């Protein structure tokens, strides 16, 4: 259902307030041909209402003839900023970049953040943004869970479907997504509400079994029959199952890069306003599936690049795989049990 411009301006106002935007600061809105017009026009109004200096930087799309999907996360790394020094300089000079295009996993995003810039990604439809407008409580919940993850040295994930996999932790930073950017050098994503890190290189070992109803992204499809992944020394070495497994193997093979099979980030969802069923209610080109990534109690793992965490893998293929009904343990203590949060991230029973 559509939302009003008034509601979206109010939502942007809350996001910008949480991000500390004040009069005289520069907000640059990064757009391309797929940017949602309502998200753009209401962002401009809200930022101007804060007294910010507002710029729009519109860039031509890339990767259209290479990617097998229109999803902006289906082919990552190369963006309209690649080699575009003038555009990059403008973004680095901004206090906040509102990314309505998708720079994720690009070297240019890392360069902007390293220079002290802030980037907020917002590419979901307005009604999803409105349903999951970030709050200070979201931040407290994610940061409380992050302290637990930061202290852990092993994550073990199991499920009744047959998953039993371990990841050594501590080599890479924590990804804390709560929907706004209140400090220099921070990237975040509205909507969100989840926590992740990257396992130590070569450490992931075991078996992951996708059950019916688990989700593949960017395919944006619910798994119809079990898919079994064999994980050895940090890489997927085998994908077994029926049609879903065959299609996934073919998609990953199309990149011609062995690094597409590397384990990327692992973590779990904390957002109670995110819903598993939403993916089936949208056209595939209308959403990138943030509900399933952030849904409270999921286990989210991925394959491919780790350059956003400071690693060296910049493969163009990134698969996100949210799963239901898993148990996630940190150093033997469960943070998620059977797909339900053990607590809400603030020490309160879920």
C-alpha atoms as a PDB file:
ATOM      1  CA  UNK A   1       0.000   0.000   0.000  1.00  0.00           C
ATOM      2  CA  UNK A   2       1.304   3.446  -0.896  1.00  0.00           C
ATOM      3  CA  UNK A   3       2.341   5.949   1.759  1.00  0.00           C
ATOM      4  CA  UNK A   4       1.977   9.732   1.754  1.00  0.00           C
ATOM      5  CA  UNK A   5       4.791  12.179   1.162  1.00  0.00           C
ATOM      6  CA  UNK A   6       3.989  13.645   4.585  1.00  0.00           C
ATOM      7  CA  UNK A   7       4.724  10.295   6.262  1.00  0.00           C
ATOM      8  CA  UNK A   8       7.976   9.875   4.346  1.00  0.00           C
ATOM      9  CA  UNK A   9       9.159  13.410   5.154  1.00  0.00           C
ATOM     10  CA  UNK A  10       8.463  12.676   8.829  1.00  0.00           C
ATOM     11  CA  UNK A  11      10.370   9.387   8.568  1.00  0.00           C
ATOM     12  CA  UNK A  12      13.353  11.022   6.886  1.00  0.00           C
ATOM     13  CA  UNK A  13      13.258  13.742   9.537  1.00  0.00           C
ATOM     14  CA  UNK A  14      13.643  11.125  12.267  1.00  0.00           C
ATOM     15  CA  UNK A  15      16.485   9.393  10.441  1.00  0.00           C
ATOM     16  CA  UNK A  16      18.320  12.660   9.855  1.00  0.00           C
ATOM     17  CA  UNK A  17      17.834  13.739  13.475  1.00  0.00           C
ATOM     18  CA  UNK A  18      19.243  10.444  14.725  1.00  0.00           C
ATOM     19  CA  UNK A  19      22.137  10.983  12.313  1.00  0.00           C
ATOM     20  CA  UNK A  20      22.856  14.403  13.834  1.00  0.00           C
ATOM     21  CA  UNK A  21      22.180  16.465  10.725  1.00  0.00           C
ATOM     22  CA  UNK A  22      22.003  20.178  11.530  1.00  0.00           C
ATOM     23  CA  UNK A  23      21.846  23.519   9.748  1.00  0.00           C
ATOM     24  CA  UNK A  24      24.817  24.231   7.511  1.00  0.00           C
ATOM     25  CA  UNK A  25      25.873  20.613   7.036  1.00  0.00           C
ATOM     26  CA  UNK A  26      26.078  19.175   3.534  1.00  0.00           C
ATOM     27  CA  UNK A  27      23.880  16.253   2.537  1.00  0.00           C
ATOM     28  CA  UNK A  28      24.507  14.756  -0.887  1.00  0.00           C
ATOM     29  CA  UNK A  29      21.893  12.414  -2.301  1.00  0.00           C
ATOM     30  CA  UNK A  30      23.365   9.821  -4.655  1.00  0.00           C
ATOM     31  CA  UNK A  31      20.907   8.597  -7.280  1.00  0.00           C
ATOM     32  CA  UNK A  32      20.684   6.614 -10.474  1.00  0.00           C
ATOM     33  CA  UNK A  33      17.975   5.514 -12.893  1.00  0.00           C
ATOM     34  CA  UNK A  34      16.391   3.042 -10.447  1.00  0.00           C
ATOM     35  CA  UNK A  35      16.100   5.463  -7.510  1.00  0.00           C
ATOM     36  CA  UNK A  36      12.572   5.602  -6.133  1.00  0.00           C
ATOM     37  CA  UNK A  37      11.188   9.094  -6.887  1.00  0.00           C
ATOM     38  CA  UNK A  38       9.210   9.409  -3.644  1.00  0.00           C
ATOM     39  CA  UNK A  39      12.203   8.411  -1.537  1.00  0.00           C
ATOM     40  CA  UNK A  40      14.273  11.048  -3.346  1.00  0.00           C
ATOM     41  CA  UNK A  41      11.850  13.969  -3.202  1.00  0.00           C
ATOM     42  CA  UNK A  42      10.982  13.434   0.457  1.00  0.00           C
ATOM     43  CA  UNK A  43      14.650  13.110   1.413  1.00  0.00           C
ATOM     44  CA  UNK A  44      15.314  16.488  -0.197  1.00  0.00           C
ATOM     45  CA  UNK A  45      12.451  18.137   1.689  1.00  0.00           C
ATOM     46  CA  UNK A  46      13.449  16.606   5.034  1.00  0.00           C
ATOM     47  CA  UNK A  47      17.118  17.540   4.662  1.00  0.00           C
ATOM     48  CA  UNK A  48      16.272  21.111   3.676  1.00  0.00           C
ATOM     49  CA  UNK A  49      13.928  21.322   6.660  1.00  0.00           C
ATOM     50  CA  UNK A  50      16.944  20.569   8.873  1.00  0.00           C
ATOM     51  CA  UNK A  51      18.741  23.536   7.314  1.00  0.00           C
ATOM     52  CA  UNK A  52      21.202  21.313   5.460  1.00  0.00           C
ATOM     53  CA  UNK A  53      22.838  22.208   2.160  1.00  0.00           C
ATOM     54  CA  UNK A  54      21.410  19.582  -0.179  1.00  0.00           C
ATOM     55  CA  UNK A  55      22.991  18.321  -3.388  1.00  0.00           C
ATOM     56  CA  UNK A  56      21.863  15.614  -5.767  1.00  0.00           C
ATOM     57  CA  UNK A  57      24.452  13.592  -7.673  1.00  0.00           C
ATOM     58  CA  UNK A  58      22.845  11.482 -10.393  1.00  0.00           C
ATOM     59  CA  UNK A  59      25.072   8.921 -12.104  1.00  0.00           C
ATOM     60  CA  UNK A  60      24.556   6.627 -15.079  1.00  0.00           C
ATOM     61  CA  UNK A  61      24.000   2.950 -14.246  1.00  0.00           C
ATOM     62  CA  UNK A  62      26.649   0.302 -14.889  1.00  0.00           C
ATOM     63  CA  UNK A  63      26.783  -3.532 -14.936  1.00  0.00           C
ATOM     64  CA  UNK A  64      23.461  -3.832 -16.778  1.00  0.00           C
ATOM     65  CA  UNK A  65      24.971  -5.902 -19.578  1.00  0.00           C
ATOM     66  CA  UNK A  66      27.008  -8.044 -17.179  1.00  0.00           C
ATOM     67  CA  UNK A  67      24.733  -8.818 -14.250  1.00  0.00           C
ATOM     68  CA  UNK A  68      22.214 -11.651 -14.534  1.00  0.00           C
ATOM     69  CA  UNK A  69      19.716  -9.724 -12.389  1.00  0.00           C
ATOM     70  CA  UNK A  70      18.361  -6.201 -11.985  1.00  0.00           C
ATOM     71  CA  UNK A  71      18.922  -6.426  -8.233  1.00  0.00           C
ATOM     72  CA  UNK A  72      21.591  -3.830  -7.259  1.00  0.00           C
ATOM     73  CA  UNK A  73      23.388  -6.437  -5.126  1.00  0.00           C
ATOM     74  CA  UNK A  74      23.576  -9.055  -7.883  1.00  0.00           C
ATOM     75  CA  UNK A  75      26.861  -7.678  -9.263  1.00  0.00           C
ATOM     76  CA  UNK A  76      28.909  -5.715  -6.751  1.00  0.00           C
ATOM     77  CA  UNK A  77      32.217  -3.875  -6.640  1.00  0.00           C
ATOM     78  CA  UNK A  78      32.080  -1.863  -9.870  1.00  0.00           C
ATOM     79  CA  UNK A  79      29.840   1.208  -9.543  1.00  0.00           C
ATOM     80  CA  UNK A  80      29.236   4.496 -11.412  1.00  0.00           C
ATOM     81  CA  UNK A  81      31.875   5.972  -9.067  1.00  0.00           C
ATOM     82  CA  UNK A  82      34.616   3.676 -10.351  1.00  0.00           C
ATOM     83  CA  UNK A  83      37.232   5.961 -11.923  1.00  0.00           C
ATOM     84  CA  UNK A  84      34.971   9.008 -11.423  1.00  0.00           C
ATOM     85  CA  UNK A  85      37.272  11.301  -9.434  1.00  0.00           C
ATOM     86  CA  UNK A  86      35.068  14.401  -9.648  1.00  0.00           C
ATOM     87  CA  UNK A  87      32.008  12.614  -8.259  1.00  0.00           C
ATOM     88  CA  UNK A  88      34.074  10.934  -5.561  1.00  0.00           C
ATOM     89  CA  UNK A  89      35.506  14.291  -4.449  1.00  0.00           C
ATOM     90  CA  UNK A  90      31.992  15.699  -4.061  1.00  0.00           C
ATOM     91  CA  UNK A  91      30.894  12.793  -1.879  1.00  0.00           C
ATOM     92  CA  UNK A  92      34.038  12.940   0.267  1.00  0.00           C
ATOM     93  CA  UNK A  93      33.336  16.629   0.917  1.00  0.00           C
ATOM     94  CA  UNK A  94      29.818  15.869   2.201  1.00  0.00           C
ATOM     95  CA  UNK A  95      28.836  15.429   5.842  1.00  0.00           C
ATOM     96  CA  UNK A  96      26.342  12.709   4.924  1.00  0.00           C
ATOM     97  CA  UNK A  97      25.762  10.754   1.726  1.00  0.00           C
ATOM     98  CA  UNK A  98      22.283   9.347   1.260  1.00  0.00           C
ATOM     99  CA  UNK A  99      22.930   6.410  -1.045  1.00  0.00           C
ATOM    100  CA  UNK A 100      19.788   5.818  -3.069  1.00  0.00           C
ATOM    101  CA  UNK A 101      21.818   3.974  -5.722  1.00  0.00           C
ATOM    102  CA  UNK A 102      23.924   1.254  -3.917  1.00  0.00           C
ATOM    103  CA  UNK A 103      27.669   1.611  -3.422  1.00  0.00           C
ATOM    104  CA  UNK A 104      27.966  -1.456  -1.194  1.00  0.00           C
ATOM    105  CA  UNK A 105      31.193  -3.515  -1.522  1.00  0.00           C
ATOM    106  CA  UNK A 106      32.886  -0.834  -3.632  1.00  0.00           C
ATOM    107  CA  UNK A 107      36.373   0.606  -3.105  1.00  0.00           C
ATOM    108  CA  UNK A 108      34.866   4.083  -3.410  1.00  0.00           C
ATOM    109  CA  UNK A 109      32.544   3.513  -0.466  1.00  0.00           C
ATOM    110  CA  UNK A 110      35.524   2.482   1.637  1.00  0.00           C
ATOM    111  CA  UNK A 111      37.415   5.612   0.510  1.00  0.00           C
ATOM    112  CA  UNK A 112      34.538   7.929   1.483  1.00  0.00           C
ATOM    113  CA  UNK A 113      34.235   6.319   4.908  1.00  0.00           C
ATOM    114  CA  UNK A 114      37.994   6.358   5.483  1.00  0.00           C
ATOM    115  CA  UNK A 115      37.943  10.104   4.838  1.00  0.00           C
ATOM    116  CA  UNK A 116      35.420  10.533   7.657  1.00  0.00           C
ATOM    117  CA  UNK A 117      32.291  10.631   5.554  1.00  0.00           C
ATOM    118  CA  UNK A 118      29.027   8.961   6.489  1.00  0.00           C
ATOM    119  CA  UNK A 119      26.865   6.888   4.153  1.00  0.00           C
ATOM    120  CA  UNK A 120      23.281   5.769   4.650  1.00  0.00           C
ATOM    121  CA  UNK A 121      21.913   3.294   2.107  1.00  0.00           C
ATOM    122  CA  UNK A 122      18.139   3.425   1.485  1.00  0.00           C
ATOM    123  CA  UNK A 123      16.837   1.589  -1.567  1.00  0.00           C
ATOM    124  CA  UNK A 124      13.828  -0.366  -0.309  1.00  0.00           C
ATOM    125  CA  UNK A 125      10.304   0.836  -1.295  1.00  0.00           C
ATOM    126  CA  UNK A 126       8.904   3.708   0.808  1.00  0.00           C
ATOM    127  CA  UNK A 127       6.365   1.535   2.626  1.00  0.00           C
ATOM    128  CA  UNK A 128       9.116  -0.795   3.872  1.00  0.00           C
ATOM    129  CA  UNK A 129      11.221   2.181   4.943  1.00  0.00           C
ATOM    130  CA  UNK A 130       8.241   3.608   6.817  1.00  0.00           C
ATOM    131  CA  UNK A 131       7.472   0.347   8.618  1.00  0.00           C
ATOM    132  CA  UNK A 132      11.040   0.090   9.869  1.00  0.00           C
ATOM    133  CA  UNK A 133      11.986   3.691  10.630  1.00  0.00           C
ATOM    134  CA  UNK A 134      15.011   3.336  12.948  1.00  0.00           C
ATOM    135  CA  UNK A 135      14.874   4.280  16.606  1.00  0.00           C
ATOM    136  CA  UNK A 136      17.354   4.823  19.395  1.00  0.00           C
ATOM    137  CA  UNK A 137      16.119   1.553  20.884  1.00  0.00           C
ATOM    138  CA  UNK A 138      17.170  -0.248  17.691  1.00  0.00           C
ATOM    139  CA  UNK A 139      20.655   1.137  18.210  1.00  0.00           C
ATOM    140  CA  UNK A 140      20.803   0.070  21.859  1.00  0.00           C
ATOM    141  CA  UNK A 141      19.604  -3.435  20.978  1.00  0.00           C
ATOM    142  CA  UNK A 142      22.171  -3.927  18.219  1.00  0.00           C
ATOM    143  CA  UNK A 143      25.058  -2.509  20.261  1.00  0.00           C
ATOM    144  CA  UNK A 144      24.173  -4.666  23.269  1.00  0.00           C
ATOM    145  CA  UNK A 145      24.220  -7.785  21.096  1.00  0.00           C
ATOM    146  CA  UNK A 146      27.426  -6.560  19.467  1.00  0.00           C
ATOM    147  CA  UNK A 147      29.232  -6.565  22.808  1.00  0.00           C
ATOM    148  CA  UNK A 148      28.410 -10.252  23.181  1.00  0.00           C
ATOM    149  CA  UNK A 149      29.553 -11.052  19.644  1.00  0.00           C
ATOM    150  CA  UNK A 150      32.741  -9.018  20.036  1.00  0.00           C
ATOM    151  CA  UNK A 151      33.808 -11.092  23.046  1.00  0.00           C
ATOM    152  CA  UNK A 152      33.155 -14.453  21.330  1.00  0.00           C
ATOM    153  CA  UNK A 153      35.783 -16.586  19.621  1.00  0.00           C
ATOM    154  CA  UNK A 154      33.530 -19.191  18.035  1.00  0.00           C
ATOM    155  CA  UNK A 155      30.083 -19.233  16.471  1.00  0.00           C
ATOM    156  CA  UNK A 156      28.354 -22.585  16.060  1.00  0.00           C
ATOM    157  CA  UNK A 157      25.080 -22.886  14.166  1.00  0.00           C
ATOM    158  CA  UNK A 158      22.839 -25.951  14.231  1.00  0.00           C
ATOM    159  CA  UNK A 159      19.337 -26.834  13.068  1.00  0.00           C
ATOM    160  CA  UNK A 160      16.905 -29.732  13.058  1.00  0.00           C
ATOM    161  CA  UNK A 161      17.264 -29.780   9.253  1.00  0.00           C
ATOM    162  CA  UNK A 162      20.912 -30.861   9.607  1.00  0.00           C
ATOM    163  CA  UNK A 163      22.976 -27.691   9.820  1.00  0.00           C
ATOM    164  CA  UNK A 164      26.091 -27.985  11.982  1.00  0.00           C
ATOM    165  CA  UNK A 165      28.797 -25.454  11.146  1.00  0.00           C
ATOM    166  CA  UNK A 166      31.422 -23.528  13.111  1.00  0.00           C
ATOM    167  CA  UNK A 167      33.146 -20.213  12.471  1.00  0.00           C
ATOM    168  CA  UNK A 168      36.212 -18.920  14.311  1.00  0.00           C
ATOM    169  CA  UNK A 169      35.851 -15.231  15.173  1.00  0.00           C
ATOM    170  CA  UNK A 170      38.006 -12.247  16.058  1.00  0.00           C
ATOM    171  CA  UNK A 171      39.946 -11.478  12.891  1.00  0.00           C
ATOM    172  CA  UNK A 172      37.439  -9.035  11.431  1.00  0.00           C
ATOM    173  CA  UNK A 173      35.289  -6.150  12.742  1.00  0.00           C
ATOM    174  CA  UNK A 174      31.613  -6.248  13.666  1.00  0.00           C
ATOM    175  CA  UNK A 175      28.918  -4.983  11.282  1.00  0.00           C
ATOM    176  CA  UNK A 176      26.308  -3.161  13.362  1.00  0.00           C
ATOM    177  CA  UNK A 177      23.228  -2.169  11.354  1.00  0.00           C
ATOM    178  CA  UNK A 178      20.551  -0.118  13.094  1.00  0.00           C
ATOM    179  CA  UNK A 179      19.509   2.327  10.392  1.00  0.00           C
ATOM    180  CA  UNK A 180      21.277   5.654  10.911  1.00  0.00           C
ATOM    181  CA  UNK A 181      24.746   7.234  10.860  1.00  0.00           C
ATOM    182  CA  UNK A 182      25.530   9.360  13.891  1.00  0.00           C
ATOM    183  CA  UNK A 183      29.331   9.475  13.684  1.00  0.00           C
ATOM    184  CA  UNK A 184      32.069  10.069  11.071  1.00  0.00           C
ATOM    185  CA  UNK A 185      33.195   7.049   9.099  1.00  0.00           C
ATOM    186  CA  UNK A 186      29.965   5.121   9.673  1.00  0.00           C
ATOM    187  CA  UNK A 187      27.959   3.243   7.047  1.00  0.00           C
ATOM    188  CA  UNK A 188      24.470   1.938   7.728  1.00  0.00           C
ATOM    189  CA  UNK A 189      21.359   0.757   5.963  1.00  0.00           C
ATOM    190  CA  UNK A 190      17.754   1.835   6.436  1.00  0.00           C
ATOM    191  CA  UNK A 191      15.872  -0.466   7.017  1.00  0.00           C
ATOM    192  CA  UNK A 192      17.946  -2.872   9.083  1.00  0.00           C
ATOM    193  CA  UNK A 193      18.446  -4.230  12.560  1.00  0.00           C
ATOM    194  CA  UNK A 194      20.982  -7.008  12.485  1.00  0.00           C
ATOM    195  CA  UNK A 195      24.470  -7.930  13.517  1.00  0.00           C
ATOM    196  CA  UNK A 196      27.241  -9.713  11.640  1.00  0.00           C
ATOM    197  CA  UNK A 197      30.944 -10.342  11.437  1.00  0.00           C
ATOM    198  CA  UNK A 198      33.282 -12.227   9.132  1.00  0.00           C
ATOM    199  CA  UNK A 199      34.744 -15.551  10.184  1.00  0.00           C
ATOM    200  CA  UNK A 200      38.505 -15.890  10.405  1.00  0.00           C
ATOM    201  CA  UNK A 201      40.042 -16.777   7.059  1.00  0.00           C
ATOM    202  CA  UNK A 202      39.888 -20.506   6.366  1.00  0.00           C
ATOM    203  CA  UNK A 203      38.112 -21.304   9.628  1.00  0.00           C
ATOM    204  CA  UNK A 204      34.540 -22.153   8.601  1.00  0.00           C
ATOM    205  CA  UNK A 205      33.885 -25.896   8.764  1.00  0.00           C
ATOM    206  CA  UNK A 206      30.794 -28.068   8.629  1.00  0.00           C
ATOM    207  CA  UNK A 207      27.454 -28.447   6.882  1.00  0.00           C
ATOM    208  CA  UNK A 208      24.655 -25.960   6.231  1.00  0.00           C
ATOM    209  CA  UNK A 209      21.259 -27.316   5.202  1.00  0.00           C
ATOM    210  CA  UNK A 210      18.668 -24.937   3.824  1.00  0.00           C
ATOM    211  CA  UNK A 211      15.163 -26.081   4.676  1.00  0.00           C
ATOM    212  CA  UNK A 212      11.954 -25.314   2.832  1.00  0.00           C
ATOM    213  CA  UNK A 213      11.101 -21.649   3.252  1.00  0.00           C
ATOM    214  CA  UNK A 214      14.659 -20.414   3.763  1.00  0.00           C
ATOM    215  CA  UNK A 215      15.625 -17.612   1.386  1.00  0.00           C
ATOM    216  CA  UNK A 216      18.218 -17.024  -1.324  1.00  0.00           C
ATOM    217  CA  UNK A 217      19.214 -13.460  -2.220  1.00  0.00           C
ATOM    218  CA  UNK A 218      19.539 -11.871  -4.800  1.00  0.00           C
ATOM    219  CA  UNK A 219      17.368 -14.637  -6.255  1.00  0.00           C
ATOM    220  CA  UNK A 220      14.660 -13.429  -3.845  1.00  0.00           C
ATOM    221  CA  UNK A 221      13.128 -16.881  -3.702  1.00  0.00           C
ATOM    222  CA  UNK A 222      11.987 -19.223  -0.955  1.00  0.00           C
ATOM    223  CA  UNK A 223      13.770 -22.583  -1.054  1.00  0.00           C
ATOM    224  CA  UNK A 224      11.388 -25.319  -2.195  1.00  0.00           C
ATOM    225  CA  UNK A 225      13.426 -28.354  -1.138  1.00  0.00           C
ATOM    226  CA  UNK A 226      16.533 -28.857   1.026  1.00  0.00           C
ATOM    227  CA  UNK A 227      19.904 -27.628  -0.220  1.00  0.00           C
ATOM    228  CA  UNK A 228      23.060 -28.940   1.474  1.00  0.00           C
ATOM    229  CA  UNK A 229      26.310 -26.936   1.511  1.00  0.00           C
ATOM    230  CA  UNK A 230      29.569 -28.580   2.493  1.00  0.00           C
ATOM    231  CA  UNK A 231      31.915 -26.016   4.082  1.00  0.00           C
ATOM    232  CA  UNK A 232      35.643 -26.752   4.253  1.00  0.00           C
ATOM    233  CA  UNK A 233      38.421 -24.364   5.281  1.00  0.00           C
ATOM    234  CA  UNK A 234      36.304 -21.279   4.733  1.00  0.00           C
ATOM    235  CA  UNK A 235      34.823 -22.214   1.348  1.00  0.00           C
ATOM    236  CA  UNK A 236      31.706 -23.901   0.021  1.00  0.00           C
ATOM    237  CA  UNK A 237      33.064 -27.044  -1.606  1.00  0.00           C
ATOM    238  CA  UNK A 238      29.783 -28.697  -2.614  1.00  0.00           C
ATOM    239  CA  UNK A 239      26.144 -27.691  -3.159  1.00  0.00           C
ATOM    240  CA  UNK A 240      23.767 -30.658  -3.232  1.00  0.00           C
ATOM    241  CA  UNK A 241      20.007 -30.924  -3.671  1.00  0.00           C
ATOM    242  CA  UNK A 242      17.357 -30.574  -6.348  1.00  0.00           C
ATOM    243  CA  UNK A 243      16.396 -27.696  -8.602  1.00  0.00           C
ATOM    244  CA  UNK A 244      17.256 -24.923  -6.136  1.00  0.00           C
ATOM    245  CA  UNK A 245      20.774 -26.327  -5.750  1.00  0.00           C
ATOM    246  CA  UNK A 246      21.188 -26.693  -9.523  1.00  0.00           C
ATOM    247  CA  UNK A 247      20.106 -23.111 -10.176  1.00  0.00           C
ATOM    248  CA  UNK A 248      22.341 -21.715  -7.436  1.00  0.00           C
ATOM    249  CA  UNK A 249      25.377 -23.659  -8.705  1.00  0.00           C
ATOM    250  CA  UNK A 250      24.790 -22.360 -12.222  1.00  0.00           C
ATOM    251  CA  UNK A 251      24.456 -18.783 -11.019  1.00  0.00           C
ATOM    252  CA  UNK A 252      27.669 -18.896  -8.980  1.00  0.00           C
ATOM    253  CA  UNK A 253      29.602 -20.671 -11.736  1.00  0.00           C
ATOM    254  CA  UNK A 254      28.655 -17.914 -14.194  1.00  0.00           C
ATOM    255  CA  UNK A 255      31.043 -15.504 -12.436  1.00  0.00           C
ATOM    256  CA  UNK A 256      34.071 -17.673 -13.252  1.00  0.00           C
ATOM    257  CA  UNK A 257      35.718 -16.778  -9.951  1.00  0.00           C
ATOM    258  CA  UNK A 258      36.655 -19.293  -7.217  1.00  0.00           C
ATOM    259  CA  UNK A 259      36.268 -16.574  -4.578  1.00  0.00           C
ATOM    260  CA  UNK A 260      32.482 -16.592  -5.027  1.00  0.00           C
ATOM    261  CA  UNK A 261      32.487 -19.729  -2.836  1.00  0.00           C
ATOM    262  CA  UNK A 262      34.285 -18.099   0.107  1.00  0.00           C
ATOM    263  CA  UNK A 263      32.329 -17.583   3.318  1.00  0.00           C
ATOM    264  CA  UNK A 264      31.593 -13.882   3.847  1.00  0.00           C
ATOM    265  CA  UNK A 265      29.653 -12.389   6.785  1.00  0.00           C
ATOM    266  CA  UNK A 266      27.701 -14.391   9.382  1.00  0.00           C
ATOM    267  CA  UNK A 267      25.247 -13.113  11.971  1.00  0.00           C
ATOM    268  CA  UNK A 268      21.638 -12.905  13.088  1.00  0.00           C
ATOM    269  CA  UNK A 269      18.589 -10.637  12.869  1.00  0.00           C
ATOM    270  CA  UNK A 270      17.258  -8.422  15.668  1.00  0.00           C
ATOM    271  CA  UNK A 271      14.455  -6.465  14.001  1.00  0.00           C
ATOM    272  CA  UNK A 272      10.980  -7.413  15.240  1.00  0.00           C
ATOM    273  CA  UNK A 273       9.291  -5.168  12.663  1.00  0.00           C
ATOM    274  CA  UNK A 274      10.777  -7.250   9.841  1.00  0.00           C
ATOM    275  CA  UNK A 275       8.690 -10.128   8.516  1.00  0.00           C
ATOM    276  CA  UNK A 276       9.686 -13.341   6.755  1.00  0.00           C
ATOM    277  CA  UNK A 277       6.560 -13.482   4.607  1.00  0.00           C
ATOM    278  CA  UNK A 278       7.026 -10.044   3.010  1.00  0.00           C
ATOM    279  CA  UNK A 279       9.313 -11.297   0.219  1.00  0.00           C
ATOM    280  CA  UNK A 280       6.430 -13.245  -1.310  1.00  0.00           C
ATOM    281  CA  UNK A 281       4.245 -10.135  -1.447  1.00  0.00           C
ATOM    282  CA  UNK A 282       6.539  -8.042  -3.663  1.00  0.00           C
ATOM    283  CA  UNK A 283       7.615  -8.110  -7.264  1.00  0.00           C
ATOM    284  CA  UNK A 284      11.258  -9.213  -7.372  1.00  0.00           C
ATOM    285  CA  UNK A 285      12.419  -5.909  -8.830  1.00  0.00           C
ATOM    286  CA  UNK A 286      10.649  -3.854  -6.152  1.00  0.00           C
ATOM    287  CA  UNK A 287      12.727  -4.928  -3.131  1.00  0.00           C
ATOM    288  CA  UNK A 288      16.172  -6.194  -2.164  1.00  0.00           C
ATOM    289  CA  UNK A 289      14.788  -8.324   0.665  1.00  0.00           C
ATOM    290  CA  UNK A 290      15.815  -6.468   3.806  1.00  0.00           C
ATOM    291  CA  UNK A 291      12.953  -7.959   5.811  1.00  0.00           C
ATOM    292  CA  UNK A 292      14.492 -11.405   5.543  1.00  0.00           C
ATOM    293  CA  UNK A 293      17.995 -10.114   6.294  1.00  0.00           C
ATOM    294  CA  UNK A 294      16.926  -8.335   9.484  1.00  0.00           C
ATOM    295  CA  UNK A 295      14.071 -10.564  10.706  1.00  0.00           C
ATOM    296  CA  UNK A 296      14.464 -11.235  14.432  1.00  0.00           C
ATOM    297  CA  UNK A 297      15.923 -14.666  15.166  1.00  0.00           C
ATOM    298  CA  UNK A 298      17.177 -15.503  11.695  1.00  0.00           C
ATOM    299  CA  UNK A 299      20.662 -16.803  10.914  1.00  0.00           C
ATOM    300  CA  UNK A 300      22.132 -14.839   8.017  1.00  0.00           C
ATOM    301  CA  UNK A 301      25.240 -16.043   6.217  1.00  0.00           C
ATOM    302  CA  UNK A 302      26.756 -15.073   2.913  1.00  0.00           C
ATOM    303  CA  UNK A 303      29.369 -15.870   0.326  1.00  0.00           C
ATOM    304  CA  UNK A 304      31.799 -13.773  -1.689  1.00  0.00           C
ATOM    305  CA  UNK A 305      33.502 -10.447  -0.899  1.00  0.00           C
ATOM    306  CA  UNK A 306      34.957  -9.292   2.415  1.00  0.00           C
ATOM    307  CA  UNK A 307      36.504  -5.990   1.269  1.00  0.00           C
ATOM    308  CA  UNK A 308      33.974  -3.954   3.269  1.00  0.00           C
ATOM    309  CA  UNK A 309      35.518  -5.544   6.383  1.00  0.00           C
ATOM    310  CA  UNK A 310      39.072  -4.744   5.321  1.00  0.00           C
ATOM    311  CA  UNK A 311      39.726  -8.046   3.543  1.00  0.00           C
ATOM    312  CA  UNK A 312      41.096  -8.570   0.045  1.00  0.00           C
ATOM    313  CA  UNK A 313      38.226 -10.435  -1.659  1.00  0.00           C
ATOM    314  CA  UNK A 314      36.361  -8.184  -4.083  1.00  0.00           C
ATOM    315  CA  UNK A 315      34.518 -10.781  -6.140  1.00  0.00           C
ATOM    316  CA  UNK A 316      31.406  -9.453  -7.880  1.00  0.00           C
ATOM    317  CA  UNK A 317      29.170 -12.286  -6.636  1.00  0.00           C
ATOM    318  CA  UNK A 318      27.553 -11.868  -3.216  1.00  0.00           C
ATOM    319  CA  UNK A 319      24.908 -14.326  -2.032  1.00  0.00           C
ATOM    320  CA  UNK A 320      22.978 -13.588   1.174  1.00  0.00           C
ATOM    321  CA  UNK A 321      21.165 -16.564   2.715  1.00  0.00           C
ATOM    322  CA  UNK A 322      18.766 -15.874   5.604  1.00  0.00           C
ATOM    323  CA  UNK A 323      17.607 -19.035   7.401  1.00  0.00           C
ATOM    324  CA  UNK A 324      14.831 -19.815   9.877  1.00  0.00           C
ATOM    325  CA  UNK A 325      14.719 -22.216  12.829  1.00  0.00           C
ATOM    326  CA  UNK A 326      18.462 -22.257  13.552  1.00  0.00           C
ATOM    327  CA  UNK A 327      20.285 -22.183  16.875  1.00  0.00           C
ATOM    328  CA  UNK A 328      23.203 -19.732  16.994  1.00  0.00           C
ATOM    329  CA  UNK A 329      25.719 -20.230  19.810  1.00  0.00           C
ATOM    330  CA  UNK A 330      28.625 -18.000  20.782  1.00  0.00           C
ATOM    331  CA  UNK A 331      31.285 -19.861  22.766  1.00  0.00           C
ATOM    332  CA  UNK A 332      28.614 -22.392  23.702  1.00  0.00           C
ATOM    333  CA  UNK A 333      25.913 -19.929  24.784  1.00  0.00           C
ATOM    334  CA  UNK A 334      22.835 -19.545  22.589  1.00  0.00           C
ATOM    335  CA  UNK A 335      21.838 -16.093  21.327  1.00  0.00           C
ATOM    336  CA  UNK A 336      19.214 -17.614  19.013  1.00  0.00           C
ATOM    337  CA  UNK A 337      17.487 -20.918  19.777  1.00  0.00           C
ATOM    338  CA  UNK A 338      15.347 -22.634  17.166  1.00  0.00           C
ATOM    339  CA  UNK A 339      14.880 -19.389  15.279  1.00  0.00           C
ATOM    340  CA  UNK A 340      13.870 -17.352  18.324  1.00  0.00           C
ATOM    341  CA  UNK A 341      15.982 -14.713  20.041  1.00  0.00           C
ATOM    342  CA  UNK A 342      17.119 -15.892  23.473  1.00  0.00           C
ATOM    343  CA  UNK A 343      16.800 -12.265  24.560  1.00  0.00           C
ATOM    344  CA  UNK A 344      16.088  -9.003  22.800  1.00  0.00           C
ATOM    345  CA  UNK A 345      19.727  -7.919  22.731  1.00  0.00           C
ATOM    346  CA  UNK A 346      19.225  -5.785  25.859  1.00  0.00           C
ATOM    347  CA  UNK A 347      19.214  -8.690  28.288  1.00  0.00           C
ATOM    348  CA  UNK A 348      15.425  -8.996  28.337  1.00  0.00           C
ATOM    349  CA  UNK A 349      13.836 -12.380  27.710  1.00  0.00           C
ATOM    350  CA  UNK A 350      12.446 -12.527  24.189  1.00  0.00           C
END
